[in-house]
Amino acid sequence: MCWCSTTTEKTPDRDFVVDDQALVRARFCALLEATDGLEVVAEAVDGADAVELAARHEPDVVLMDIRMPRLDGIAATRQVLALSRPRHVLILTTFDTDENVFDALEAGAVGFLVKDTPPPNSSRRFMRRCGAERSSHRV
């Protein structure tokens, strides 16, 4: 299940994956790198590293896990979105609860993706839909 927004904007080129599980990070990085026009510019293992690396690499879209050590994904989302460069955060989680969706959107995330969701037919189309203006609906 994915909660994300619709957009008419160009697909973001620079992506950043944040998850404390190496296998999950590798899965999402491989999916993004296999898509023409998308580039993974950084990876982080927790929210604190995510904030530091987002400031350095200025990604267009951050795929952010909710539950991580040191700084959780909701708090990290708020901090990343407070940085000077506009960017979008898509929350990753194993928990598809209404509370998680609400907290993620309230923090400024444009979407919510459950980790066991099958890869979309087109990663490019998926990133385009999840990379812009906020309005929650199911994809």
Protein backbone atom coordinates (compact mmCIF):
# COMPACT_ATOMS: atom_id res chain seq x y z
CA MET A 1 0.00 0.00 0.00
CA CYS A 2 1.23 3.49 -0.80
CA TRP A 3 -0.16 6.82 0.28
CA CYS A 4 1.26 9.51 -1.93
CA SER A 5 0.48 12.65 -3.82
CA THR A 6 -0.18 13.48 -7.43
CA THR A 7 1.98 15.78 -9.49
CA THR A 8 2.56 17.23 -12.88
CA GLU A 9 6.20 18.06 -12.12
CA LYS A 10 9.26 16.46 -13.67
CA THR A 11 10.54 13.32 -11.97
CA PRO A 12 13.17 14.07 -9.34
CA ASP A 13 16.68 13.01 -10.34
CA ARG A 14 18.43 12.83 -6.96
CA ASP A 15 17.21 10.31 -4.39
CA PHE A 16 18.32 9.45 -0.87
CA VAL A 17 17.47 6.22 1.00
CA VAL A 18 17.33 6.13 4.82
CA ASP A 19 16.80 2.83 6.64
CA ASP A 20 18.59 1.08 9.49
CA GLN A 21 18.30 -2.29 7.70
CA ALA A 22 21.03 -2.76 5.10
CA LEU A 23 18.99 -5.19 2.99
CA VAL A 24 16.04 -2.80 2.77
CA ARG A 25 18.34 0.09 1.79
CA ALA A 26 19.95 -2.08 -0.88
CA ARG A 27 16.54 -3.10 -2.28
CA PHE A 28 15.34 0.47 -2.66
CA CYS A 29 18.67 1.71 -4.00
CA ALA A 30 18.68 -1.03 -6.64
CA LEU A 31 15.10 -0.18 -7.67
CA LEU A 32 15.90 3.50 -8.02
CA GLU A 33 19.25 3.02 -9.76
CA ALA A 34 17.63 0.68 -12.30
CA THR A 35 15.33 3.50 -13.39
CA ASP A 36 16.51 5.90 -16.09
CA GLY A 37 16.77 9.45 -14.82
CA LEU A 38 16.93 8.56 -11.13
CA GLU A 39 20.14 8.56 -9.13
CA VAL A 40 20.76 7.55 -5.51
CA VAL A 41 23.05 10.25 -4.13
CA ALA A 42 23.25 9.04 -0.53
CA GLU A 43 22.26 6.38 1.99
CA ALA A 44 21.89 6.72 5.76
CA VAL A 45 21.40 4.24 8.59
CA ASP A 46 19.41 6.49 10.94
CA GLY A 47 17.58 9.78 11.16
CA ALA A 48 20.52 11.74 12.59
CA ASP A 49 22.74 10.75 9.67
CA ALA A 50 19.85 11.49 7.30
CA VAL A 51 19.66 15.13 8.39
CA GLU A 52 23.41 15.62 8.02
CA LEU A 53 23.60 13.89 4.62
CA ALA A 54 20.47 15.63 3.26
CA ALA A 55 22.10 18.99 3.95
CA ARG A 56 25.27 17.87 2.17
CA HIS A 57 23.75 16.07 -0.87
CA GLU A 58 20.54 18.09 -1.39
CA PRO A 59 18.36 15.24 -2.72
CA ASP A 60 15.05 15.79 -4.45
CA VAL A 61 13.32 12.85 -2.74
CA VAL A 62 14.17 11.14 0.54
CA LEU A 63 12.83 7.62 1.20
CA MET A 64 12.74 7.61 5.02
CA ASP A 65 12.08 4.70 7.40
CA ILE A 66 9.91 5.58 10.41
CA ARG A 67 11.53 3.44 13.10
CA MET A 68 15.29 3.90 13.42
CA PRO A 69 17.86 4.37 16.18
CA ARG A 70 19.12 7.80 17.36
CA LEU A 71 16.43 9.84 15.55
CA ASP A 72 13.20 8.37 14.22
CA GLY A 73 11.93 9.03 10.70
CA ILE A 74 9.16 11.41 11.75
CA ALA A 75 11.55 13.73 13.62
CA ALA A 76 14.15 13.39 10.85
CA THR A 77 11.49 14.27 8.25
CA ARG A 78 10.72 17.52 10.07
CA GLN A 79 14.41 18.42 10.24
CA VAL A 80 15.16 17.50 6.61
CA LEU A 81 12.21 19.55 5.37
CA ALA A 82 13.41 22.52 7.45
CA LEU A 83 16.64 22.67 5.43
CA SER A 84 16.94 25.42 2.83
CA ARG A 85 16.59 23.32 -0.34
CA PRO A 86 13.05 22.12 -1.09
CA ARG A 87 12.81 18.36 -1.04
CA HIS A 88 10.18 15.69 -0.59
CA VAL A 89 10.08 12.85 1.92
CA LEU A 90 8.35 9.53 1.31
CA ILE A 91 8.02 7.49 4.52
CA LEU A 92 8.91 3.77 4.51
CA THR A 93 7.56 1.46 7.20
CA THR A 94 6.53 -2.07 8.02
CA PHE A 95 3.54 -0.70 9.96
CA ASP A 96 0.58 0.53 7.89
CA THR A 97 -1.41 2.12 10.70
CA ASP A 98 -3.53 5.25 10.41
CA GLU A 99 -1.46 6.84 13.20
CA ASN A 100 1.75 6.35 11.19
CA VAL A 101 0.14 7.82 8.08
CA PHE A 102 -1.13 10.82 10.03
CA ASP A 103 2.21 11.41 11.78
CA ALA A 104 4.14 11.13 8.51
CA LEU A 105 1.88 13.56 6.65
CA GLU A 106 1.77 15.95 9.60
CA ALA A 107 5.59 15.98 9.60
CA GLY A 108 5.49 17.06 5.96
CA ALA A 109 5.95 13.77 4.12
CA VAL A 110 4.31 13.57 0.69
CA GLY A 111 3.60 9.87 1.02
CA PHE A 112 3.69 6.63 2.93
CA LEU A 113 4.95 3.31 1.57
CA VAL A 114 4.69 -0.07 3.32
CA LYS A 115 7.97 -1.91 2.77
CA ASP A 116 6.39 -5.14 1.55
CA THR A 117 4.57 -3.33 -1.29
CA PRO A 118 5.53 -4.92 -4.62
CA PRO A 119 7.68 -2.67 -6.81
CA PRO A 120 5.54 -0.52 -9.11
CA ASN A 121 5.51 -1.23 -12.83
CA SER A 122 7.31 2.01 -13.42
CA SER A 123 9.65 3.38 -10.74
CA ARG A 124 9.83 6.64 -12.68
CA ARG A 125 6.05 7.08 -12.64
CA PHE A 126 5.94 6.15 -8.95
CA MET A 127 8.64 8.67 -8.03
CA ARG A 128 6.89 11.36 -10.11
CA ARG A 129 3.62 10.74 -8.27
CA CYS A 130 5.29 10.71 -4.85
CA GLY A 131 7.61 13.65 -5.44
CA ALA A 132 5.45 16.74 -5.39
CA GLU A 133 2.46 18.53 -3.91
CA ARG A 134 0.86 16.99 -0.83
CA SER A 135 -2.54 15.39 -0.91
CA SER A 136 -3.01 11.94 0.47
CA HIS A 137 -4.63 9.21 -1.49
CA ARG A 138 -3.98 5.55 -2.09
CA VAL A 139 -2.02 4.28 -5.06
